[in-house]
Amino acid sequence: MKHGETLIRVRYAETDQMGVVYYANYLAWLEVGRTEYFRELGMPYSEVEKNDILLPVTKAFCQYKSPARYDDEVRVVTSIASLQEVRILFKYELFRRQTNELLAIGETEHAFVNRQGRPVVLKKYNPFLWKRLQEASGEHAE
């Protein structure tokens, strides 16, 4: 199964009064990981959108294991956990690069929709993207 890796350096503005990263910032980092994952697959998300495919989040989950702090480098590891014709589930692991300590795990589920917000069966709507995602997820293309 293919995974993508992205490095993010914690900015001071991302920390709270306790000096740790504010919890909601982890969700933004999941988005960075997912966006870079698409780029690493050779199909930047902007190109996916040009093909009239959007991926709204339908579920998000993050479990915090250890706090990230200002100036840490966070390694976001992104992979596809599940691929269905109308939705995709990404999983994430976030590590402190300096020590490889696990900071958080997360998941986001997304629907495949067109610009009108209508669900689309990706396999039929865009066979090329469907095949690329199947290959990336480790599933066999039909």
N, C-alpha and C. Protein backbone atom coordinates (compact mmCIF):
# COMPACT_ATOMS: atom_id res chain seq x y z
N MET A 1 0.84 -1.18 0.00
CA MET A 1 0.00 0.00 0.00
C MET A 1 0.89 1.24 0.00
N LYS A 2 0.61 2.14 -0.90
CA LYS A 2 1.40 3.37 -1.00
C LYS A 2 0.98 4.35 0.09
N HIS A 3 1.97 5.01 0.63
CA HIS A 3 1.68 6.08 1.59
C HIS A 3 2.49 7.30 1.20
N GLY A 4 2.02 8.44 1.65
CA GLY A 4 2.73 9.69 1.41
C GLY A 4 3.23 10.24 2.73
N GLU A 5 4.31 11.00 2.65
CA GLU A 5 4.86 11.62 3.85
C GLU A 5 5.07 13.10 3.60
N THR A 6 4.68 13.89 4.59
CA THR A 6 4.80 15.33 4.52
C THR A 6 5.37 15.84 5.84
N LEU A 7 6.28 16.80 5.75
CA LEU A 7 6.83 17.42 6.97
C LEU A 7 6.20 18.80 7.18
N ILE A 8 5.83 19.05 8.42
CA ILE A 8 5.26 20.35 8.79
C ILE A 8 6.01 20.82 10.03
N ARG A 9 6.48 22.06 10.00
CA ARG A 9 7.12 22.63 11.19
C ARG A 9 6.07 23.43 11.96
N VAL A 10 5.97 23.14 13.25
CA VAL A 10 4.98 23.81 14.09
C VAL A 10 5.33 25.28 14.23
N ARG A 11 4.38 26.13 13.89
CA ARG A 11 4.56 27.58 14.04
C ARG A 11 4.04 28.01 15.41
N TYR A 12 4.58 29.09 15.90
CA TYR A 12 4.18 29.60 17.21
C TYR A 12 2.68 29.85 17.26
N ALA A 13 2.12 30.37 16.16
CA ALA A 13 0.69 30.68 16.12
C ALA A 13 -0.19 29.43 16.23
N GLU A 14 0.38 28.26 16.05
CA GLU A 14 -0.40 27.02 16.13
C GLU A 14 -0.45 26.46 17.56
N THR A 15 0.26 27.11 18.48
CA THR A 15 0.28 26.62 19.85
C THR A 15 -0.71 27.39 20.73
N ASP A 16 -1.07 26.78 21.85
CA ASP A 16 -1.99 27.42 22.77
C ASP A 16 -1.23 27.98 23.98
N GLN A 17 -1.96 28.42 24.97
CA GLN A 17 -1.36 29.04 26.15
C GLN A 17 -0.46 28.06 26.92
N MET A 18 -0.69 26.77 26.73
CA MET A 18 0.12 25.77 27.42
C MET A 18 1.39 25.42 26.65
N GLY A 19 1.56 26.04 25.47
CA GLY A 19 2.76 25.80 24.67
C GLY A 19 2.68 24.57 23.80
N VAL A 20 1.51 23.98 23.68
CA VAL A 20 1.34 22.81 22.82
C VAL A 20 0.44 23.18 21.65
N VAL A 21 0.49 22.36 20.61
CA VAL A 21 -0.32 22.63 19.43
C VAL A 21 -1.80 22.52 19.78
N TYR A 22 -2.56 23.53 19.41
CA TYR A 22 -4.00 23.56 19.61
C TYR A 22 -4.60 22.40 18.82
N TYR A 23 -5.52 21.67 19.43
CA TYR A 23 -6.02 20.40 18.88
C TYR A 23 -6.57 20.51 17.46
N ALA A 24 -7.25 21.60 17.12
CA ALA A 24 -7.87 21.72 15.80
C ALA A 24 -6.84 21.82 14.68
N ASN A 25 -5.62 22.24 15.00
CA ASN A 25 -4.60 22.34 13.97
C ASN A 25 -4.23 20.98 13.39
N TYR A 26 -4.41 19.92 14.16
CA TYR A 26 -4.11 18.58 13.65
C TYR A 26 -4.99 18.26 12.45
N LEU A 27 -6.25 18.70 12.50
CA LEU A 27 -7.14 18.45 11.36
C LEU A 27 -6.66 19.17 10.10
N ALA A 28 -6.14 20.37 10.27
CA ALA A 28 -5.57 21.09 9.13
C ALA A 28 -4.36 20.35 8.59
N TRP A 29 -3.57 19.74 9.47
CA TRP A 29 -2.39 18.98 9.04
C TRP A 29 -2.80 17.72 8.28
N LEU A 30 -3.95 17.13 8.65
CA LEU A 30 -4.44 15.98 7.89
C LEU A 30 -4.73 16.41 6.45
N GLU A 31 -5.30 17.60 6.30
CA GLU A 31 -5.58 18.11 4.96
C GLU A 31 -4.29 18.31 4.17
N VAL A 32 -3.27 18.84 4.82
CA VAL A 32 -1.97 19.02 4.15
C VAL A 32 -1.44 17.66 3.70
N GLY A 33 -1.52 16.67 4.58
CA GLY A 33 -1.05 15.33 4.23
C GLY A 33 -1.81 14.76 3.05
N ARG A 34 -3.12 14.92 3.05
CA ARG A 34 -3.96 14.40 1.96
C ARG A 34 -3.67 15.12 0.65
N THR A 35 -3.53 16.43 0.70
CA THR A 35 -3.24 17.21 -0.50
C THR A 35 -1.91 16.80 -1.10
N GLU A 36 -0.90 16.64 -0.26
CA GLU A 36 0.42 16.22 -0.75
C GLU A 36 0.41 14.78 -1.24
N TYR A 37 -0.43 13.95 -0.63
CA TYR A 37 -0.58 12.56 -1.08
C TYR A 37 -1.06 12.54 -2.53
N PHE A 38 -2.08 13.33 -2.84
CA PHE A 38 -2.56 13.42 -4.22
C PHE A 38 -1.45 13.92 -5.15
N ARG A 39 -0.69 14.90 -4.70
CA ARG A 39 0.40 15.44 -5.51
C ARG A 39 1.44 14.36 -5.80
N GLU A 40 1.78 13.56 -4.77
CA GLU A 40 2.75 12.48 -4.94
C GLU A 40 2.25 11.41 -5.90
N LEU A 41 0.93 11.26 -6.01
CA LEU A 41 0.35 10.31 -6.96
C LEU A 41 0.36 10.86 -8.39
N GLY A 42 0.81 12.10 -8.54
CA GLY A 42 0.86 12.69 -9.86
C GLY A 42 -0.44 13.34 -10.29
N MET A 43 -1.32 13.59 -9.33
CA MET A 43 -2.58 14.25 -9.64
C MET A 43 -2.93 15.23 -8.54
N PRO A 44 -2.36 16.43 -8.62
CA PRO A 44 -2.67 17.44 -7.60
C PRO A 44 -4.17 17.63 -7.45
N TYR A 45 -4.60 17.94 -6.25
CA TYR A 45 -6.02 18.08 -5.99
C TYR A 45 -6.66 19.14 -6.91
N SER A 46 -5.90 20.15 -7.28
CA SER A 46 -6.45 21.17 -8.19
C SER A 46 -6.83 20.54 -9.53
N GLU A 47 -6.08 19.53 -9.97
CA GLU A 47 -6.41 18.83 -11.21
C GLU A 47 -7.65 17.96 -11.04
N VAL A 48 -7.78 17.35 -9.88
CA VAL A 48 -8.97 16.54 -9.59
C VAL A 48 -10.20 17.44 -9.69
N GLU A 49 -10.13 18.63 -9.10
CA GLU A 49 -11.26 19.57 -9.15
C GLU A 49 -11.54 20.03 -10.57
N LYS A 50 -10.50 20.21 -11.40
CA LYS A 50 -10.71 20.61 -12.79
C LYS A 50 -11.49 19.54 -13.55
N ASN A 51 -11.46 18.30 -13.06
CA ASN A 51 -12.22 17.21 -13.67
C ASN A 51 -13.60 17.06 -13.04
N ASP A 52 -14.06 18.13 -12.35
CA ASP A 52 -15.40 18.19 -11.78
C ASP A 52 -15.62 17.13 -10.70
N ILE A 53 -14.58 16.87 -9.90
CA ILE A 53 -14.70 15.94 -8.78
C ILE A 53 -14.26 16.67 -7.52
N LEU A 54 -15.12 16.68 -6.52
CA LEU A 54 -14.82 17.27 -5.23
C LEU A 54 -14.91 16.18 -4.18
N LEU A 55 -14.20 16.36 -3.08
CA LEU A 55 -14.17 15.36 -2.02
C LEU A 55 -14.51 15.99 -0.68
N PRO A 56 -15.78 16.30 -0.42
CA PRO A 56 -16.13 16.87 0.88
C PRO A 56 -15.91 15.85 1.99
N VAL A 57 -15.51 16.36 3.14
CA VAL A 57 -15.32 15.50 4.31
C VAL A 57 -16.69 15.13 4.86
N THR A 58 -16.91 13.83 5.09
CA THR A 58 -18.16 13.37 5.69
C THR A 58 -17.95 12.92 7.13
N LYS A 59 -16.70 12.57 7.47
CA LYS A 59 -16.35 12.19 8.85
C LYS A 59 -14.90 12.55 9.08
N ALA A 60 -14.59 12.93 10.32
CA ALA A 60 -13.19 13.20 10.70
C ALA A 60 -12.98 12.68 12.12
N PHE A 61 -11.80 12.13 12.34
CA PHE A 61 -11.45 11.55 13.63
C PHE A 61 -9.98 11.82 13.89
N CYS A 62 -9.66 12.18 15.13
CA CYS A 62 -8.27 12.35 15.52
C CYS A 62 -8.12 11.92 16.97
N GLN A 63 -7.17 11.03 17.21
CA GLN A 63 -6.86 10.61 18.57
C GLN A 63 -5.46 11.10 18.90
N TYR A 64 -5.36 11.87 19.96
CA TYR A 64 -4.12 12.51 20.35
C TYR A 64 -3.34 11.61 21.30
N LYS A 65 -2.07 11.41 21.01
CA LYS A 65 -1.24 10.52 21.82
C LYS A 65 -0.22 11.30 22.65
N SER A 66 0.38 12.32 22.05
CA SER A 66 1.41 13.11 22.71
C SER A 66 1.41 14.50 22.08
N PRO A 67 1.66 15.55 22.85
CA PRO A 67 1.56 16.91 22.29
C PRO A 67 2.75 17.29 21.41
N ALA A 68 2.44 17.97 20.33
CA ALA A 68 3.47 18.62 19.52
C ALA A 68 3.67 20.02 20.09
N ARG A 69 4.88 20.53 19.95
CA ARG A 69 5.22 21.84 20.51
C ARG A 69 5.86 22.72 19.44
N TYR A 70 5.93 23.99 19.76
CA TYR A 70 6.53 24.97 18.85
C TYR A 70 7.88 24.49 18.33
N ASP A 71 8.07 24.61 17.03
CA ASP A 71 9.29 24.32 16.30
C ASP A 71 9.55 22.83 16.08
N ASP A 72 8.67 21.95 16.60
CA ASP A 72 8.78 20.53 16.25
C ASP A 72 8.56 20.38 14.75
N GLU A 73 9.17 19.36 14.19
CA GLU A 73 8.82 18.95 12.83
C GLU A 73 7.89 17.76 12.97
N VAL A 74 6.73 17.86 12.35
CA VAL A 74 5.73 16.80 12.40
C VAL A 74 5.70 16.11 11.05
N ARG A 75 5.87 14.79 11.09
CA ARG A 75 5.82 13.97 9.86
C ARG A 75 4.42 13.38 9.78
N VAL A 76 3.71 13.73 8.71
CA VAL A 76 2.36 13.25 8.49
C VAL A 76 2.43 12.12 7.46
N VAL A 77 2.04 10.93 7.87
CA VAL A 77 2.02 9.77 6.98
C VAL A 77 0.56 9.52 6.59
N THR A 78 0.29 9.55 5.29
CA THR A 78 -1.08 9.44 4.78
C THR A 78 -1.20 8.23 3.88
N SER A 79 -2.30 7.50 4.03
CA SER A 79 -2.57 6.37 3.13
C SER A 79 -4.08 6.20 2.98
N ILE A 80 -4.45 5.40 2.00
CA ILE A 80 -5.86 5.09 1.77
C ILE A 80 -6.20 3.86 2.60
N ALA A 81 -7.18 3.98 3.48
CA ALA A 81 -7.61 2.85 4.31
C ALA A 81 -8.71 2.06 3.62
N SER A 82 -9.54 2.75 2.84
CA SER A 82 -10.66 2.10 2.17
C SER A 82 -11.06 2.92 0.95
N LEU A 83 -11.34 2.23 -0.14
CA LEU A 83 -11.78 2.89 -1.36
C LEU A 83 -13.05 2.20 -1.84
N GLN A 84 -14.12 2.98 -1.93
CA GLN A 84 -15.38 2.48 -2.46
C GLN A 84 -15.76 3.36 -3.64
N GLU A 85 -16.73 2.94 -4.42
CA GLU A 85 -17.08 3.67 -5.63
C GLU A 85 -17.55 5.09 -5.38
N VAL A 86 -18.12 5.38 -4.21
CA VAL A 86 -18.65 6.71 -3.93
C VAL A 86 -17.98 7.40 -2.75
N ARG A 87 -16.98 6.72 -2.11
CA ARG A 87 -16.29 7.35 -0.98
C ARG A 87 -14.90 6.77 -0.81
N ILE A 88 -14.11 7.52 -0.07
CA ILE A 88 -12.74 7.13 0.21
C ILE A 88 -12.42 7.46 1.67
N LEU A 89 -11.66 6.59 2.31
CA LEU A 89 -11.25 6.80 3.69
C LEU A 89 -9.73 6.86 3.75
N PHE A 90 -9.22 7.97 4.27
CA PHE A 90 -7.78 8.15 4.45
C PHE A 90 -7.45 7.91 5.91
N LYS A 91 -6.27 7.35 6.16
CA LYS A 91 -5.78 7.24 7.53
C LYS A 91 -4.46 8.00 7.61
N TYR A 92 -4.19 8.48 8.81
CA TYR A 92 -3.02 9.34 9.04
C TYR A 92 -2.32 8.92 10.33
N GLU A 93 -1.02 9.04 10.32
CA GLU A 93 -0.22 8.92 11.52
C GLU A 93 0.69 10.14 11.56
N LEU A 94 0.74 10.80 12.69
CA LEU A 94 1.56 12.00 12.84
C LEU A 94 2.65 11.70 13.86
N PHE A 95 3.90 11.94 13.47
CA PHE A 95 5.05 11.65 14.31
C PHE A 95 5.89 12.90 14.51
N ARG A 96 6.54 12.99 15.66
CA ARG A 96 7.56 14.02 15.87
C ARG A 96 8.80 13.52 15.12
N ARG A 97 9.23 14.24 14.10
CA ARG A 97 10.33 13.77 13.27
C ARG A 97 11.60 13.54 14.07
N GLN A 98 11.88 14.42 15.00
CA GLN A 98 13.13 14.35 15.75
C GLN A 98 13.27 13.06 16.55
N THR A 99 12.17 12.51 17.07
CA THR A 99 12.23 11.32 17.93
C THR A 99 11.42 10.14 17.40
N ASN A 100 10.67 10.37 16.34
CA ASN A 100 9.76 9.37 15.76
C ASN A 100 8.63 8.98 16.73
N GLU A 101 8.36 9.83 17.72
CA GLU A 101 7.28 9.59 18.66
C GLU A 101 5.94 9.80 17.98
N LEU A 102 5.00 8.88 18.19
CA LEU A 102 3.66 9.01 17.63
C LEU A 102 2.90 10.11 18.39
N LEU A 103 2.43 11.11 17.64
CA LEU A 103 1.71 12.23 18.23
C LEU A 103 0.20 12.06 18.14
N ALA A 104 -0.26 11.52 17.00
CA ALA A 104 -1.70 11.38 16.80
C ALA A 104 -1.97 10.41 15.66
N ILE A 105 -3.16 9.85 15.68
CA ILE A 105 -3.65 9.07 14.55
C ILE A 105 -4.99 9.67 14.14
N GLY A 106 -5.31 9.58 12.87
CA GLY A 106 -6.56 10.16 12.41
C GLY A 106 -7.11 9.48 11.19
N GLU A 107 -8.34 9.81 10.88
CA GLU A 107 -9.01 9.33 9.68
C GLU A 107 -9.92 10.43 9.17
N THR A 108 -10.06 10.49 7.85
CA THR A 108 -11.09 11.34 7.24
C THR A 108 -11.77 10.53 6.15
N GLU A 109 -13.09 10.65 6.11
CA GLU A 109 -13.86 10.00 5.06
C GLU A 109 -14.40 11.08 4.15
N HIS A 110 -14.39 10.81 2.85
CA HIS A 110 -14.80 11.78 1.84
C HIS A 110 -15.73 11.13 0.84
N ALA A 111 -16.72 11.87 0.38
CA ALA A 111 -17.59 11.42 -0.70
C ALA A 111 -17.05 11.97 -2.01
N PHE A 112 -17.29 11.26 -3.08
CA PHE A 112 -16.98 11.77 -4.42
C PHE A 112 -18.26 12.45 -4.92
N VAL A 113 -18.17 13.76 -5.18
CA VAL A 113 -19.33 14.51 -5.68
C VAL A 113 -18.90 15.40 -6.84
N ASN A 114 -19.91 15.81 -7.64
CA ASN A 114 -19.63 16.77 -8.71
C ASN A 114 -19.82 18.19 -8.17
N ARG A 115 -19.69 19.18 -9.01
CA ARG A 115 -19.77 20.58 -8.57
C ARG A 115 -21.16 20.95 -8.04
N GLN A 116 -22.15 20.18 -8.42
CA GLN A 116 -23.50 20.43 -7.93
C GLN A 116 -23.74 19.74 -6.58
N GLY A 117 -22.73 19.05 -6.09
CA GLY A 117 -22.84 18.37 -4.80
C GLY A 117 -23.51 17.02 -4.89
N ARG A 118 -23.72 16.54 -6.08
CA ARG A 118 -24.34 15.23 -6.27
C ARG A 118 -23.29 14.13 -6.21
N PRO A 119 -23.58 13.05 -5.49
CA PRO A 119 -22.63 11.93 -5.45
C PRO A 119 -22.40 11.36 -6.84
N VAL A 120 -21.17 10.95 -7.08
CA VAL A 120 -20.84 10.31 -8.35
C VAL A 120 -20.16 8.97 -8.06
N VAL A 121 -20.37 8.02 -8.95
CA VAL A 121 -19.67 6.74 -8.88
C VAL A 121 -18.35 6.96 -9.61
N LEU A 122 -17.27 7.07 -8.86
CA LEU A 122 -16.00 7.46 -9.44
C LEU A 122 -15.54 6.51 -10.53
N LYS A 123 -15.79 5.24 -10.36
CA LYS A 123 -15.38 4.22 -11.33
C LYS A 123 -15.93 4.54 -12.73
N LYS A 124 -17.16 5.07 -12.78
CA LYS A 124 -17.79 5.42 -14.06
C LYS A 124 -17.50 6.86 -14.45
N TYR A 125 -17.49 7.74 -13.46
CA TYR A 125 -17.36 9.18 -13.71
C TYR A 125 -15.95 9.56 -14.17
N ASN A 126 -14.94 8.91 -13.58
CA ASN A 126 -13.55 9.19 -13.95
C ASN A 126 -12.72 7.92 -13.76
N PRO A 127 -12.76 7.02 -14.76
CA PRO A 127 -12.05 5.74 -14.65
C PRO A 127 -10.55 5.90 -14.40
N PHE A 128 -9.94 6.96 -14.94
CA PHE A 128 -8.51 7.18 -14.74
C PHE A 128 -8.19 7.40 -13.26
N LEU A 129 -8.91 8.31 -12.63
CA LEU A 129 -8.69 8.60 -11.21
C LEU A 129 -9.01 7.36 -10.37
N TRP A 130 -10.08 6.67 -10.70
CA TRP A 130 -10.45 5.45 -9.98
C TRP A 130 -9.29 4.45 -10.01
N LYS A 131 -8.72 4.24 -11.19
CA LYS A 131 -7.61 3.28 -11.33
C LYS A 131 -6.40 3.73 -10.52
N ARG A 132 -6.06 5.01 -10.57
CA ARG A 132 -4.91 5.52 -9.80
C ARG A 132 -5.11 5.32 -8.30
N LEU A 133 -6.32 5.59 -7.82
CA LEU A 133 -6.59 5.42 -6.40
C LEU A 133 -6.59 3.94 -6.01
N GLN A 134 -7.08 3.09 -6.87
CA GLN A 134 -7.03 1.64 -6.61
C GLN A 134 -5.58 1.18 -6.49
N GLU A 135 -4.74 1.62 -7.42
CA GLU A 135 -3.32 1.24 -7.38
C GLU A 135 -2.67 1.75 -6.10
N ALA A 136 -2.98 2.98 -5.73
CA ALA A 136 -2.39 3.58 -4.53
C ALA A 136 -2.86 2.87 -3.26
N SER A 137 -4.08 2.37 -3.28
CA SER A 137 -4.62 1.72 -2.09
C SER A 137 -4.17 0.27 -1.99
N GLY A 138 -3.56 -0.25 -3.04
CA GLY A 138 -3.14 -1.64 -3.04
C GLY A 138 -4.21 -2.59 -3.52
N GLU A 139 -5.34 -2.03 -3.93
CA GLU A 139 -6.41 -2.87 -4.47
C GLU A 139 -6.13 -3.13 -5.94
N HIS A 140 -6.60 -4.23 -6.43
CA HIS A 140 -6.38 -4.58 -7.83
C HIS A 140 -7.36 -3.84 -8.71
N ALA A 141 -6.83 -3.23 -9.77
CA ALA A 141 -7.70 -2.56 -10.73
C ALA A 141 -8.43 -3.60 -11.55
N GLU A 142 -9.68 -3.32 -11.86
CA GLU A 142 -10.50 -4.26 -12.65
C GLU A 142 -10.30 -4.02 -14.12
